[in-house]
């Protein structure tokens, strides 16, 4: 089993390089090759604020396939109060998953937990784990590990590790789990106060793939 380092480029592509071996048996192939990242603001009608229809629709999946996309990284939940944490639009999410699988595109569900309430953050993960379209679920799940809503860094890290362990226990060892993390230069060079002592070692047993966020504004 390989542990992979995946780099998202301009929210459009995902590249990977081998990293340290892991003990988990999860198949990390969904994280290999060209990927495209779609967040809820791209496709969910309820979060559009300008009165225009969402720019990304289920029909866009065919265009992704024609461009050589192998994995759709789809944000399926959002930490907000309207509605509270859950799949942002389950029928629409199911439509995207079905369309992607029909054209041979893997789907990795991603979610940004706030970590202010681990139980609340876990509820959409349960929905992600249950979702099936034509007998097939998501090909991977990734947690976006960037929220600093919890000011106490030690508490924030502990909650993140707890949530990741709960997710691993929920989906078992076969589901490849990704950790979407700040780039090392952001945490270790540019902003040492952002998340000191990020808990990489404690996350490693529950994570199969590292996905550093890459933004040109970090440099």
N, C-alpha and C. Protein backbone atom coordinates (compact mmCIF):
# COMPACT_ATOMS: atom_id res chain seq x y z
N UNK A 1 0.86 -1.20 0.00
CA UNK A 1 0.00 0.00 0.00
C UNK A 1 0.88 1.23 0.00
N UNK A 2 0.63 2.20 -0.87
CA UNK A 2 1.37 3.45 -0.91
C UNK A 2 0.59 4.53 -0.20
N UNK A 3 1.30 5.38 0.49
CA UNK A 3 0.69 6.60 0.98
C UNK A 3 1.05 7.67 -0.03
N UNK A 4 0.09 8.47 -0.42
CA UNK A 4 0.32 9.44 -1.49
C UNK A 4 0.28 10.86 -0.97
N UNK A 5 1.04 11.69 -1.64
CA UNK A 5 0.97 13.13 -1.44
C UNK A 5 0.32 13.69 -2.68
N UNK A 6 -0.84 14.34 -2.52
CA UNK A 6 -1.58 14.87 -3.66
C UNK A 6 -1.58 16.38 -3.56
N UNK A 7 -1.28 17.05 -4.65
CA UNK A 7 -1.26 18.50 -4.68
C UNK A 7 -2.34 18.99 -5.62
N UNK A 8 -3.30 19.79 -5.12
CA UNK A 8 -4.31 20.38 -5.99
C UNK A 8 -3.78 21.68 -6.58
N UNK A 9 -3.88 21.85 -7.87
CA UNK A 9 -3.35 23.02 -8.54
C UNK A 9 -4.50 23.89 -9.02
N UNK A 10 -4.60 25.10 -8.47
CA UNK A 10 -5.61 26.08 -8.88
C UNK A 10 -7.00 25.50 -8.87
N UNK A 11 -7.27 24.61 -7.91
CA UNK A 11 -8.58 23.98 -7.76
C UNK A 11 -9.00 23.27 -9.05
N UNK A 12 -8.04 22.84 -9.85
CA UNK A 12 -8.38 22.25 -11.13
C UNK A 12 -7.75 20.89 -11.33
N UNK A 13 -6.53 20.70 -10.89
CA UNK A 13 -5.84 19.45 -11.15
C UNK A 13 -5.27 18.89 -9.87
N UNK A 14 -5.05 17.57 -9.86
CA UNK A 14 -4.42 16.93 -8.71
C UNK A 14 -3.24 16.11 -9.21
N UNK A 15 -2.08 16.32 -8.62
CA UNK A 15 -0.89 15.57 -8.95
C UNK A 15 -0.47 14.80 -7.72
N UNK A 16 0.22 13.67 -7.91
CA UNK A 16 0.60 12.90 -6.74
C UNK A 16 2.01 12.39 -6.88
N UNK A 17 2.65 12.19 -5.73
CA UNK A 17 3.94 11.53 -5.68
C UNK A 17 3.89 10.53 -4.54
N UNK A 18 4.63 9.40 -4.64
CA UNK A 18 4.63 8.42 -3.56
C UNK A 18 5.17 9.02 -2.28
N UNK A 19 4.65 8.58 -1.16
CA UNK A 19 5.17 9.00 0.13
C UNK A 19 5.39 7.75 0.96
N UNK A 20 5.39 7.90 2.29
CA UNK A 20 5.74 6.78 3.16
C UNK A 20 4.72 5.66 3.06
N UNK A 21 5.13 4.40 3.19
CA UNK A 21 4.18 3.29 3.15
C UNK A 21 3.23 3.32 4.31
N UNK A 22 2.02 2.82 4.09
CA UNK A 22 0.99 2.81 5.12
C UNK A 22 0.58 1.38 5.44
N UNK A 23 -0.06 1.20 6.56
CA UNK A 23 -0.53 -0.11 6.94
C UNK A 23 -1.93 -0.39 6.44
N UNK A 24 -2.67 0.68 6.13
CA UNK A 24 -4.06 0.50 5.70
C UNK A 24 -4.10 -0.19 4.34
N UNK A 25 -5.24 -0.83 4.05
CA UNK A 25 -5.38 -1.58 2.81
C UNK A 25 -6.18 -0.82 1.77
N UNK A 26 -6.46 0.45 2.02
CA UNK A 26 -7.30 1.22 1.10
C UNK A 26 -6.60 1.40 -0.25
N UNK A 27 -7.40 1.34 -1.31
CA UNK A 27 -6.90 1.56 -2.66
C UNK A 27 -6.92 3.06 -2.94
N UNK A 28 -5.76 3.65 -3.16
CA UNK A 28 -5.68 5.11 -3.33
C UNK A 28 -5.76 5.55 -4.78
N UNK A 29 -6.10 4.67 -5.70
CA UNK A 29 -6.15 5.03 -7.11
C UNK A 29 -7.09 6.19 -7.41
N UNK A 30 -8.21 6.37 -6.66
CA UNK A 30 -9.06 7.54 -6.95
C UNK A 30 -8.33 8.87 -6.84
N UNK A 31 -7.21 8.91 -6.12
CA UNK A 31 -6.49 10.16 -5.93
C UNK A 31 -5.38 10.36 -6.98
N UNK A 32 -5.24 9.43 -7.90
CA UNK A 32 -4.18 9.52 -8.89
C UNK A 32 -4.68 10.22 -10.16
N UNK A 33 -3.78 10.88 -10.85
CA UNK A 33 -4.11 11.48 -12.13
C UNK A 33 -4.81 12.83 -12.01
N UNK A 34 -5.33 13.28 -13.14
CA UNK A 34 -5.96 14.60 -13.21
C UNK A 34 -7.29 14.62 -12.46
N UNK A 35 -7.46 15.64 -11.63
CA UNK A 35 -8.71 15.79 -10.89
C UNK A 35 -9.22 17.21 -11.01
N UNK A 36 -10.51 17.38 -10.77
CA UNK A 36 -11.09 18.73 -10.74
C UNK A 36 -11.84 18.90 -9.42
N UNK A 37 -11.73 20.10 -8.84
CA UNK A 37 -12.32 20.38 -7.54
C UNK A 37 -13.57 21.24 -7.72
N UNK A 38 -14.67 20.78 -7.16
CA UNK A 38 -15.95 21.50 -7.26
C UNK A 38 -16.48 21.72 -5.85
N UNK A 39 -16.72 22.99 -5.50
CA UNK A 39 -17.28 23.26 -4.17
C UNK A 39 -18.76 23.59 -4.28
N UNK A 40 -19.40 23.75 -3.14
CA UNK A 40 -20.85 23.93 -3.14
C UNK A 40 -21.26 25.23 -3.85
N UNK A 41 -20.37 26.23 -3.87
CA UNK A 41 -20.70 27.49 -4.54
C UNK A 41 -20.71 27.33 -6.05
N UNK A 42 -20.12 26.25 -6.54
CA UNK A 42 -20.10 25.98 -7.98
C UNK A 42 -21.41 25.36 -8.47
N UNK A 43 -22.07 24.55 -7.61
CA UNK A 43 -23.19 23.75 -8.13
C UNK A 43 -24.49 23.84 -7.35
N UNK A 44 -24.47 24.30 -6.10
CA UNK A 44 -25.67 24.25 -5.26
C UNK A 44 -26.50 25.52 -5.41
N UNK A 45 -27.73 25.42 -5.87
CA UNK A 45 -28.56 26.62 -6.07
C UNK A 45 -28.74 27.45 -4.81
N UNK A 46 -28.86 26.81 -3.65
CA UNK A 46 -29.22 27.56 -2.45
C UNK A 46 -28.12 28.49 -1.95
N UNK A 47 -26.89 28.33 -2.42
CA UNK A 47 -25.83 29.22 -1.96
C UNK A 47 -25.43 30.24 -3.02
N UNK A 48 -26.21 30.33 -4.10
CA UNK A 48 -25.95 31.37 -5.10
C UNK A 48 -26.51 32.69 -4.59
N UNK A 49 -25.72 33.74 -4.63
CA UNK A 49 -26.14 35.03 -4.07
C UNK A 49 -26.37 36.10 -5.13
N UNK A 50 -26.04 35.80 -6.39
CA UNK A 50 -26.16 36.84 -7.41
C UNK A 50 -27.36 36.65 -8.31
N UNK A 51 -28.21 35.66 -8.00
CA UNK A 51 -29.39 35.42 -8.80
C UNK A 51 -29.15 34.63 -10.06
N UNK A 52 -27.91 34.25 -10.32
CA UNK A 52 -27.60 33.47 -11.50
C UNK A 52 -27.61 31.98 -11.18
N UNK A 53 -27.83 31.13 -12.17
CA UNK A 53 -27.79 29.69 -11.92
C UNK A 53 -26.36 29.25 -11.62
N UNK A 54 -26.17 28.14 -10.95
CA UNK A 54 -24.83 27.64 -10.64
C UNK A 54 -24.03 27.42 -11.93
N UNK A 55 -22.74 27.73 -11.91
CA UNK A 55 -21.94 27.56 -13.13
C UNK A 55 -21.62 26.12 -13.48
N UNK A 56 -21.68 25.23 -12.50
CA UNK A 56 -21.39 23.82 -12.74
C UNK A 56 -22.66 23.01 -12.57
N UNK A 57 -23.00 22.20 -13.57
CA UNK A 57 -24.19 21.36 -13.52
C UNK A 57 -23.78 19.91 -13.73
N UNK A 58 -24.74 19.02 -13.57
CA UNK A 58 -24.47 17.60 -13.79
C UNK A 58 -23.98 17.37 -15.22
N UNK A 59 -24.49 18.15 -16.16
CA UNK A 59 -24.03 18.02 -17.55
C UNK A 59 -22.56 18.35 -17.71
N UNK A 60 -22.00 19.11 -16.76
CA UNK A 60 -20.58 19.46 -16.84
C UNK A 60 -19.68 18.24 -16.69
N UNK A 61 -20.21 17.18 -16.12
CA UNK A 61 -19.40 15.98 -15.90
C UNK A 61 -18.91 15.40 -17.23
N UNK A 62 -19.76 15.44 -18.26
CA UNK A 62 -19.33 14.95 -19.57
C UNK A 62 -18.14 15.76 -20.09
N UNK A 63 -18.15 17.07 -19.87
CA UNK A 63 -17.03 17.90 -20.30
C UNK A 63 -15.76 17.55 -19.52
N UNK A 64 -15.91 17.26 -18.24
CA UNK A 64 -14.76 16.85 -17.43
C UNK A 64 -14.12 15.60 -18.03
N UNK A 65 -14.96 14.62 -18.38
CA UNK A 65 -14.44 13.38 -18.94
C UNK A 65 -13.71 13.63 -20.26
N UNK A 66 -14.26 14.50 -21.10
CA UNK A 66 -13.63 14.81 -22.39
C UNK A 66 -12.28 15.49 -22.20
N UNK A 67 -12.11 16.20 -21.09
CA UNK A 67 -10.85 16.89 -20.81
C UNK A 67 -9.84 15.98 -20.11
N UNK A 68 -10.23 14.74 -19.86
CA UNK A 68 -9.30 13.79 -19.26
C UNK A 68 -9.32 13.72 -17.75
N UNK A 69 -10.33 14.32 -17.13
CA UNK A 69 -10.43 14.26 -15.67
C UNK A 69 -10.70 12.83 -15.23
N UNK A 70 -9.96 12.38 -14.23
CA UNK A 70 -10.14 11.03 -13.70
C UNK A 70 -10.86 11.02 -12.36
N UNK A 71 -10.81 12.15 -11.64
CA UNK A 71 -11.44 12.21 -10.32
C UNK A 71 -12.14 13.55 -10.13
N UNK A 72 -13.38 13.49 -9.66
CA UNK A 72 -14.14 14.67 -9.27
C UNK A 72 -14.08 14.79 -7.75
N UNK A 73 -13.46 15.85 -7.27
CA UNK A 73 -13.42 16.14 -5.84
C UNK A 73 -14.61 17.05 -5.55
N UNK A 74 -15.64 16.52 -4.92
CA UNK A 74 -16.92 17.21 -4.79
C UNK A 74 -17.20 17.56 -3.33
N UNK A 75 -17.33 18.85 -3.05
CA UNK A 75 -17.75 19.26 -1.71
C UNK A 75 -19.22 18.90 -1.55
N UNK A 76 -19.54 18.11 -0.57
CA UNK A 76 -20.91 17.61 -0.44
C UNK A 76 -21.63 18.15 0.79
N UNK A 77 -20.93 18.87 1.64
CA UNK A 77 -21.55 19.45 2.82
C UNK A 77 -20.89 20.77 3.13
N UNK A 78 -21.59 21.57 3.90
CA UNK A 78 -21.04 22.87 4.27
C UNK A 78 -21.46 23.19 5.69
N UNK A 79 -20.51 23.67 6.47
CA UNK A 79 -20.79 24.02 7.86
C UNK A 79 -21.48 25.38 7.90
N UNK A 80 -22.81 25.37 7.87
CA UNK A 80 -23.54 26.61 8.00
C UNK A 80 -24.85 26.33 8.73
N UNK A 81 -25.61 27.37 8.96
CA UNK A 81 -26.83 27.22 9.75
C UNK A 81 -28.08 27.07 8.91
N UNK A 82 -27.98 27.08 7.60
CA UNK A 82 -29.18 27.07 6.76
C UNK A 82 -28.99 26.18 5.54
N UNK A 83 -29.22 24.92 5.57
CA UNK A 83 -29.54 24.15 6.77
C UNK A 83 -28.26 23.83 7.55
N UNK A 84 -28.42 23.21 8.70
CA UNK A 84 -27.24 22.87 9.48
C UNK A 84 -26.46 21.78 8.78
N UNK A 85 -25.35 21.42 9.35
CA UNK A 85 -24.41 20.52 8.70
C UNK A 85 -25.05 19.22 8.20
N UNK A 86 -25.05 19.04 6.89
CA UNK A 86 -25.54 17.82 6.25
C UNK A 86 -25.15 17.88 4.79
N UNK A 87 -25.52 16.89 4.01
CA UNK A 87 -25.28 16.99 2.58
C UNK A 87 -26.02 18.21 2.06
N UNK A 88 -25.32 19.06 1.32
CA UNK A 88 -25.90 20.35 0.95
C UNK A 88 -27.14 20.20 0.08
N UNK A 89 -27.15 19.17 -0.77
CA UNK A 89 -28.31 18.90 -1.63
C UNK A 89 -28.19 17.45 -2.06
N UNK A 90 -28.77 16.53 -1.28
CA UNK A 90 -28.53 15.11 -1.52
C UNK A 90 -28.96 14.65 -2.91
N UNK A 91 -30.15 15.04 -3.41
CA UNK A 91 -30.50 14.60 -4.77
C UNK A 91 -29.48 15.06 -5.82
N UNK A 92 -28.99 16.29 -5.67
CA UNK A 92 -28.03 16.80 -6.63
C UNK A 92 -26.68 16.09 -6.49
N UNK A 93 -26.27 15.84 -5.26
CA UNK A 93 -25.03 15.10 -5.04
C UNK A 93 -25.13 13.71 -5.67
N UNK A 94 -26.25 13.06 -5.47
CA UNK A 94 -26.45 11.74 -6.05
C UNK A 94 -26.38 11.80 -7.58
N UNK A 95 -26.91 12.86 -8.16
CA UNK A 95 -26.88 13.02 -9.61
C UNK A 95 -25.44 13.17 -10.11
N UNK A 96 -24.64 13.95 -9.39
CA UNK A 96 -23.24 14.11 -9.78
C UNK A 96 -22.49 12.78 -9.67
N UNK A 97 -22.71 12.06 -8.58
CA UNK A 97 -22.02 10.79 -8.40
C UNK A 97 -22.39 9.81 -9.51
N UNK A 98 -23.68 9.70 -9.80
CA UNK A 98 -24.13 8.80 -10.86
C UNK A 98 -23.56 9.17 -12.21
N UNK A 99 -23.57 10.48 -12.54
CA UNK A 99 -23.05 10.94 -13.83
C UNK A 99 -21.56 10.68 -13.95
N UNK A 100 -20.82 10.91 -12.86
CA UNK A 100 -19.38 10.70 -12.89
C UNK A 100 -19.04 9.22 -13.09
N UNK A 101 -19.72 8.37 -12.36
CA UNK A 101 -19.43 6.94 -12.49
C UNK A 101 -19.79 6.41 -13.87
N UNK A 102 -20.81 6.96 -14.48
CA UNK A 102 -21.20 6.49 -15.82
C UNK A 102 -20.11 6.77 -16.86
N UNK A 103 -19.32 7.81 -16.64
CA UNK A 103 -18.27 8.12 -17.62
C UNK A 103 -16.87 7.76 -17.11
N UNK A 104 -16.83 6.96 -16.06
CA UNK A 104 -15.56 6.45 -15.57
C UNK A 104 -14.76 7.39 -14.70
N UNK A 105 -15.42 8.39 -14.11
CA UNK A 105 -14.76 9.32 -13.21
C UNK A 105 -15.02 8.92 -11.77
N UNK A 106 -13.97 8.80 -10.98
CA UNK A 106 -14.12 8.53 -9.56
C UNK A 106 -14.58 9.80 -8.84
N UNK A 107 -15.24 9.63 -7.70
CA UNK A 107 -15.73 10.79 -6.94
C UNK A 107 -15.20 10.72 -5.50
N UNK A 108 -14.47 11.74 -5.12
CA UNK A 108 -14.01 11.89 -3.73
C UNK A 108 -14.83 12.98 -3.08
N UNK A 109 -15.57 12.64 -2.04
CA UNK A 109 -16.36 13.62 -1.31
C UNK A 109 -15.46 14.37 -0.34
N UNK A 110 -15.59 15.71 -0.28
CA UNK A 110 -14.81 16.44 0.70
C UNK A 110 -15.71 17.35 1.53
N UNK A 111 -15.26 17.58 2.75
CA UNK A 111 -16.06 18.32 3.72
C UNK A 111 -15.14 19.12 4.62
N UNK A 112 -15.53 20.34 4.94
CA UNK A 112 -14.77 21.22 5.82
C UNK A 112 -15.40 21.26 7.20
N UNK A 113 -14.84 20.54 8.18
CA UNK A 113 -15.39 20.58 9.54
C UNK A 113 -14.93 21.84 10.26
N UNK A 114 -15.82 22.39 11.11
CA UNK A 114 -15.44 23.58 11.88
C UNK A 114 -14.70 23.20 13.15
N UNK A 115 -14.94 21.98 13.64
CA UNK A 115 -14.32 21.43 14.85
C UNK A 115 -14.84 22.07 16.14
N UNK A 116 -15.85 22.94 16.04
CA UNK A 116 -16.41 23.48 17.28
C UNK A 116 -17.36 22.48 17.93
N UNK A 117 -17.80 21.48 17.18
CA UNK A 117 -18.69 20.44 17.70
C UNK A 117 -18.43 19.18 16.89
N UNK A 118 -17.67 18.25 17.43
CA UNK A 118 -17.28 17.05 16.70
C UNK A 118 -18.49 16.21 16.32
N UNK A 119 -19.48 16.14 17.21
CA UNK A 119 -20.67 15.36 16.91
C UNK A 119 -21.42 15.94 15.72
N UNK A 120 -21.51 17.28 15.67
CA UNK A 120 -22.19 17.92 14.54
C UNK A 120 -21.39 17.73 13.25
N UNK A 121 -20.08 17.82 13.34
CA UNK A 121 -19.24 17.60 12.16
C UNK A 121 -19.36 16.16 11.65
N UNK A 122 -19.63 15.24 12.55
CA UNK A 122 -19.68 13.83 12.15
C UNK A 122 -20.97 13.49 11.41
N UNK A 123 -22.04 14.25 11.63
CA UNK A 123 -23.32 13.91 11.00
C UNK A 123 -23.27 13.90 9.47
N UNK A 124 -22.70 14.93 8.82
CA UNK A 124 -22.61 14.83 7.36
C UNK A 124 -21.70 13.71 6.89
N UNK A 125 -20.70 13.37 7.70
CA UNK A 125 -19.83 12.25 7.33
C UNK A 125 -20.61 10.94 7.34
N UNK A 126 -21.55 10.82 8.26
CA UNK A 126 -22.42 9.63 8.25
C UNK A 126 -23.24 9.60 6.96
N UNK A 127 -23.73 10.77 6.52
CA UNK A 127 -24.48 10.83 5.28
C UNK A 127 -23.62 10.47 4.08
N UNK A 128 -22.37 10.91 4.10
CA UNK A 128 -21.44 10.58 3.03
C UNK A 128 -21.21 9.07 3.00
N UNK A 129 -21.03 8.49 4.17
CA UNK A 129 -20.77 7.04 4.24
C UNK A 129 -21.96 6.21 3.79
N UNK A 130 -23.18 6.72 4.00
CA UNK A 130 -24.38 5.95 3.64
C UNK A 130 -24.73 6.06 2.17
N UNK A 131 -24.33 7.13 1.51
CA UNK A 131 -24.81 7.41 0.16
C UNK A 131 -24.42 6.31 -0.82
N UNK A 132 -25.40 5.84 -1.58
CA UNK A 132 -25.19 4.85 -2.63
C UNK A 132 -25.98 5.26 -3.86
N UNK A 133 -25.34 5.14 -5.01
CA UNK A 133 -26.00 5.39 -6.29
C UNK A 133 -25.76 4.16 -7.15
N UNK A 134 -26.84 3.46 -7.47
CA UNK A 134 -26.73 2.20 -8.21
C UNK A 134 -25.79 1.22 -7.52
N UNK A 135 -25.90 1.19 -6.20
CA UNK A 135 -25.13 0.25 -5.40
C UNK A 135 -23.69 0.66 -5.14
N UNK A 136 -23.30 1.83 -5.58
CA UNK A 136 -21.90 2.27 -5.41
C UNK A 136 -21.87 3.60 -4.69
N UNK A 137 -20.95 3.73 -3.75
CA UNK A 137 -20.82 4.97 -3.01
C UNK A 137 -19.67 5.82 -3.51
N UNK A 138 -19.18 6.70 -2.66
CA UNK A 138 -18.03 7.52 -3.01
C UNK A 138 -16.78 6.65 -3.11
N UNK A 139 -15.85 7.09 -3.91
CA UNK A 139 -14.60 6.34 -4.09
C UNK A 139 -13.54 6.79 -3.10
N UNK A 140 -13.78 7.85 -2.40
CA UNK A 140 -12.88 8.35 -1.38
C UNK A 140 -13.55 9.47 -0.62
N UNK A 141 -13.02 9.79 0.56
CA UNK A 141 -13.54 10.88 1.38
C UNK A 141 -12.34 11.67 1.88
N UNK A 142 -12.44 12.99 1.82
CA UNK A 142 -11.33 13.84 2.27
C UNK A 142 -11.85 14.92 3.21
N UNK A 143 -11.15 15.12 4.30
CA UNK A 143 -11.48 16.19 5.24
C UNK A 143 -10.61 17.41 4.95
N UNK A 144 -11.25 18.57 4.82
CA UNK A 144 -10.54 19.83 4.60
C UNK A 144 -10.13 20.36 5.97
N UNK A 145 -8.85 20.25 6.29
CA UNK A 145 -8.35 20.51 7.64
C UNK A 145 -7.78 21.91 7.74
N UNK A 146 -8.64 22.92 7.62
CA UNK A 146 -8.13 24.29 7.64
C UNK A 146 -8.88 25.22 8.58
N UNK A 147 -9.99 24.79 9.18
CA UNK A 147 -10.76 25.69 10.03
C UNK A 147 -9.98 26.04 11.30
N UNK A 148 -9.94 27.33 11.61
CA UNK A 148 -9.33 27.80 12.85
C UNK A 148 -10.38 28.43 13.76
N UNK A 149 -11.64 27.99 13.61
CA UNK A 149 -12.71 28.53 14.46
C UNK A 149 -12.44 28.26 15.93
N UNK A 150 -11.83 27.14 16.23
CA UNK A 150 -11.47 26.82 17.62
C UNK A 150 -10.13 27.48 17.91
N UNK A 151 -10.13 28.46 18.79
CA UNK A 151 -8.93 29.26 19.03
C UNK A 151 -7.83 28.48 19.74
N UNK A 152 -8.22 27.59 20.65
CA UNK A 152 -7.24 26.81 21.39
C UNK A 152 -6.64 25.77 20.44
N UNK A 153 -5.38 25.92 20.11
CA UNK A 153 -4.75 25.08 19.09
C UNK A 153 -4.71 23.61 19.52
N UNK A 154 -4.39 23.35 20.77
CA UNK A 154 -4.33 21.96 21.24
C UNK A 154 -5.70 21.31 21.15
N UNK A 155 -6.73 22.04 21.57
CA UNK A 155 -8.09 21.52 21.49
C UNK A 155 -8.50 21.30 20.03
N UNK A 156 -8.14 22.24 19.17
CA UNK A 156 -8.44 22.11 17.75
C UNK A 156 -7.81 20.85 17.17
N UNK A 157 -6.54 20.64 17.48
CA UNK A 157 -5.84 19.46 16.97
C UNK A 157 -6.46 18.18 17.50
N UNK A 158 -6.78 18.17 18.80
CA UNK A 158 -7.37 16.98 19.40
C UNK A 158 -8.71 16.64 18.74
N UNK A 159 -9.52 17.64 18.49
CA UNK A 159 -10.82 17.41 17.86
C UNK A 159 -10.66 16.92 16.43
N UNK A 160 -9.69 17.46 15.72
CA UNK A 160 -9.46 17.01 14.34
C UNK A 160 -9.04 15.54 14.32
N UNK A 161 -8.14 15.17 15.21
CA UNK A 161 -7.71 13.77 15.28
C UNK A 161 -8.88 12.87 15.66
N UNK A 162 -9.69 13.32 16.64
CA UNK A 162 -10.85 12.53 17.06
C UNK A 162 -11.82 12.33 15.90
N UNK A 163 -12.11 13.40 15.16
CA UNK A 163 -13.05 13.30 14.05
C UNK A 163 -12.52 12.38 12.96
N UNK A 164 -11.23 12.47 12.67
CA UNK A 164 -10.64 11.62 11.63
C UNK A 164 -10.67 10.16 12.05
N UNK A 165 -10.42 9.88 13.31
CA UNK A 165 -10.51 8.51 13.80
C UNK A 165 -11.94 7.99 13.70
N UNK A 166 -12.92 8.83 14.04
CA UNK A 166 -14.32 8.41 13.95
C UNK A 166 -14.71 8.12 12.50
N UNK A 167 -14.20 8.94 11.58
CA UNK A 167 -14.50 8.70 10.17
C UNK A 167 -13.90 7.37 9.72
N UNK A 168 -12.66 7.11 10.12
CA UNK A 168 -12.04 5.83 9.75
C UNK A 168 -12.82 4.66 10.31
N UNK A 169 -13.27 4.76 11.55
CA UNK A 169 -14.05 3.69 12.15
C UNK A 169 -15.38 3.51 11.42
N UNK A 170 -15.96 4.61 10.94
CA UNK A 170 -17.24 4.55 10.25
C UNK A 170 -17.13 3.82 8.92
N UNK A 171 -16.12 4.15 8.12
CA UNK A 171 -16.04 3.63 6.75
C UNK A 171 -15.17 2.40 6.62
N UNK A 172 -14.39 2.06 7.65
CA UNK A 172 -13.54 0.88 7.58
C UNK A 172 -12.23 1.15 6.85
N UNK A 173 -11.44 0.10 6.71
CA UNK A 173 -10.10 0.26 6.15
C UNK A 173 -10.04 0.30 4.65
N UNK A 174 -11.12 -0.05 3.95
CA UNK A 174 -11.07 -0.09 2.49
C UNK A 174 -11.29 1.27 1.83
N UNK A 175 -11.90 2.20 2.54
CA UNK A 175 -12.17 3.52 1.97
C UNK A 175 -10.93 4.40 2.08
N UNK A 176 -10.39 4.90 0.96
CA UNK A 176 -9.21 5.77 1.04
C UNK A 176 -9.58 7.17 1.55
N UNK A 177 -8.97 7.55 2.65
CA UNK A 177 -9.27 8.83 3.27
C UNK A 177 -8.16 9.83 2.98
N UNK A 178 -8.56 11.04 2.59
CA UNK A 178 -7.61 12.10 2.29
C UNK A 178 -7.60 13.16 3.36
N UNK A 179 -6.44 13.75 3.58
CA UNK A 179 -6.28 14.86 4.51
C UNK A 179 -5.89 16.10 3.70
N UNK A 180 -6.83 17.04 3.56
CA UNK A 180 -6.57 18.28 2.83
C UNK A 180 -5.96 19.26 3.83
N UNK A 181 -4.69 19.58 3.66
CA UNK A 181 -3.95 20.33 4.68
C UNK A 181 -3.35 21.60 4.09
N UNK A 182 -3.03 22.53 5.01
CA UNK A 182 -2.30 23.72 4.60
C UNK A 182 -0.94 23.29 4.03
N UNK A 183 -0.40 24.04 3.05
CA UNK A 183 0.96 23.73 2.59
C UNK A 183 1.96 23.99 3.70
N UNK A 184 3.01 23.22 3.74
CA UNK A 184 3.99 23.33 4.82
C UNK A 184 4.57 24.74 4.90
N UNK A 185 4.78 25.40 3.75
CA UNK A 185 5.37 26.74 3.78
C UNK A 185 4.45 27.72 4.49
N UNK A 186 3.15 27.50 4.42
CA UNK A 186 2.21 28.40 5.10
C UNK A 186 2.31 28.24 6.61
N UNK A 187 2.39 26.99 7.08
CA UNK A 187 2.41 26.74 8.53
C UNK A 187 3.79 26.93 9.15
N UNK A 188 4.83 26.66 8.39
CA UNK A 188 6.17 26.59 8.98
C UNK A 188 7.06 27.77 8.62
N UNK A 189 6.63 28.61 7.65
CA UNK A 189 7.45 29.74 7.24
C UNK A 189 6.68 31.05 7.31
N UNK A 190 5.50 31.08 6.69
CA UNK A 190 4.79 32.35 6.52
C UNK A 190 3.93 32.74 7.71
N UNK A 191 3.35 31.77 8.40
CA UNK A 191 2.43 32.09 9.49
C UNK A 191 2.56 31.04 10.59
N UNK A 192 3.52 31.21 11.44
CA UNK A 192 3.81 30.22 12.48
C UNK A 192 2.70 30.15 13.52
N UNK A 193 1.85 31.17 13.59
CA UNK A 193 0.78 31.18 14.59
C UNK A 193 -0.52 30.56 14.07
N UNK A 194 -0.57 30.23 12.78
CA UNK A 194 -1.82 29.74 12.20
C UNK A 194 -2.25 28.41 12.82
N UNK A 195 -1.36 27.43 12.83
CA UNK A 195 -1.68 26.12 13.43
C UNK A 195 -0.36 25.48 13.86
N UNK A 196 0.19 25.93 15.00
CA UNK A 196 1.46 25.35 15.47
C UNK A 196 1.33 23.86 15.75
N UNK A 197 2.39 23.13 15.48
CA UNK A 197 2.42 21.69 15.77
C UNK A 197 1.22 20.97 15.16
N UNK A 198 0.98 21.22 13.90
CA UNK A 198 -0.12 20.52 13.21
C UNK A 198 0.06 19.02 13.41
N UNK A 199 -1.03 18.29 13.75
CA UNK A 199 -0.89 16.90 14.22
C UNK A 199 -0.70 15.85 13.11
N UNK A 200 0.26 16.08 12.22
CA UNK A 200 0.51 15.10 11.16
C UNK A 200 0.70 13.68 11.69
N UNK A 201 1.57 13.45 12.72
CA UNK A 201 1.80 12.07 13.17
C UNK A 201 0.54 11.38 13.69
N UNK A 202 -0.32 12.14 14.36
CA UNK A 202 -1.53 11.54 14.92
C UNK A 202 -2.61 11.31 13.86
N UNK A 203 -2.54 12.06 12.76
CA UNK A 203 -3.49 11.87 11.67
C UNK A 203 -3.08 10.73 10.75
N UNK A 204 -1.80 10.43 10.71
CA UNK A 204 -1.26 9.47 9.76
C UNK A 204 -1.94 8.10 9.81
N UNK A 205 -2.22 7.51 11.00
CA UNK A 205 -2.84 6.19 11.01
C UNK A 205 -4.23 6.14 10.37
N UNK A 206 -4.92 7.27 10.32
CA UNK A 206 -6.28 7.30 9.78
C UNK A 206 -6.35 7.90 8.38
N UNK A 207 -5.21 8.33 7.84
CA UNK A 207 -5.21 9.03 6.55
C UNK A 207 -4.34 8.27 5.55
N UNK A 208 -4.82 8.17 4.33
CA UNK A 208 -4.08 7.47 3.28
C UNK A 208 -3.39 8.42 2.31
N UNK A 209 -3.87 9.66 2.22
CA UNK A 209 -3.38 10.60 1.21
C UNK A 209 -3.30 11.99 1.84
N UNK A 210 -2.18 12.69 1.60
CA UNK A 210 -2.07 14.09 1.98
C UNK A 210 -2.36 14.94 0.76
N UNK A 211 -3.22 15.93 0.90
CA UNK A 211 -3.57 16.83 -0.20
C UNK A 211 -3.27 18.27 0.22
N UNK A 212 -2.03 18.74 0.04
CA UNK A 212 -1.71 20.12 0.42
C UNK A 212 -2.42 21.12 -0.49
N UNK A 213 -3.01 22.13 0.12
CA UNK A 213 -3.63 23.20 -0.65
C UNK A 213 -2.55 24.09 -1.25
N UNK A 214 -2.66 24.38 -2.52
CA UNK A 214 -1.66 25.19 -3.19
C UNK A 214 -2.31 26.45 -3.74
N UNK A 215 -1.94 27.60 -3.17
CA UNK A 215 -2.43 28.89 -3.63
C UNK A 215 -1.22 29.78 -3.91
N UNK A 216 -1.22 30.46 -5.04
CA UNK A 216 -0.09 31.30 -5.38
C UNK A 216 0.09 32.44 -4.38
N UNK A 217 -1.00 32.84 -3.70
CA UNK A 217 -0.90 33.95 -2.76
C UNK A 217 -0.08 33.60 -1.53
N UNK A 218 0.23 32.30 -1.30
CA UNK A 218 1.05 31.93 -0.17
C UNK A 218 2.50 32.38 -0.37
N UNK A 219 2.88 32.68 -1.60
CA UNK A 219 4.24 33.15 -1.89
C UNK A 219 4.16 34.39 -2.75
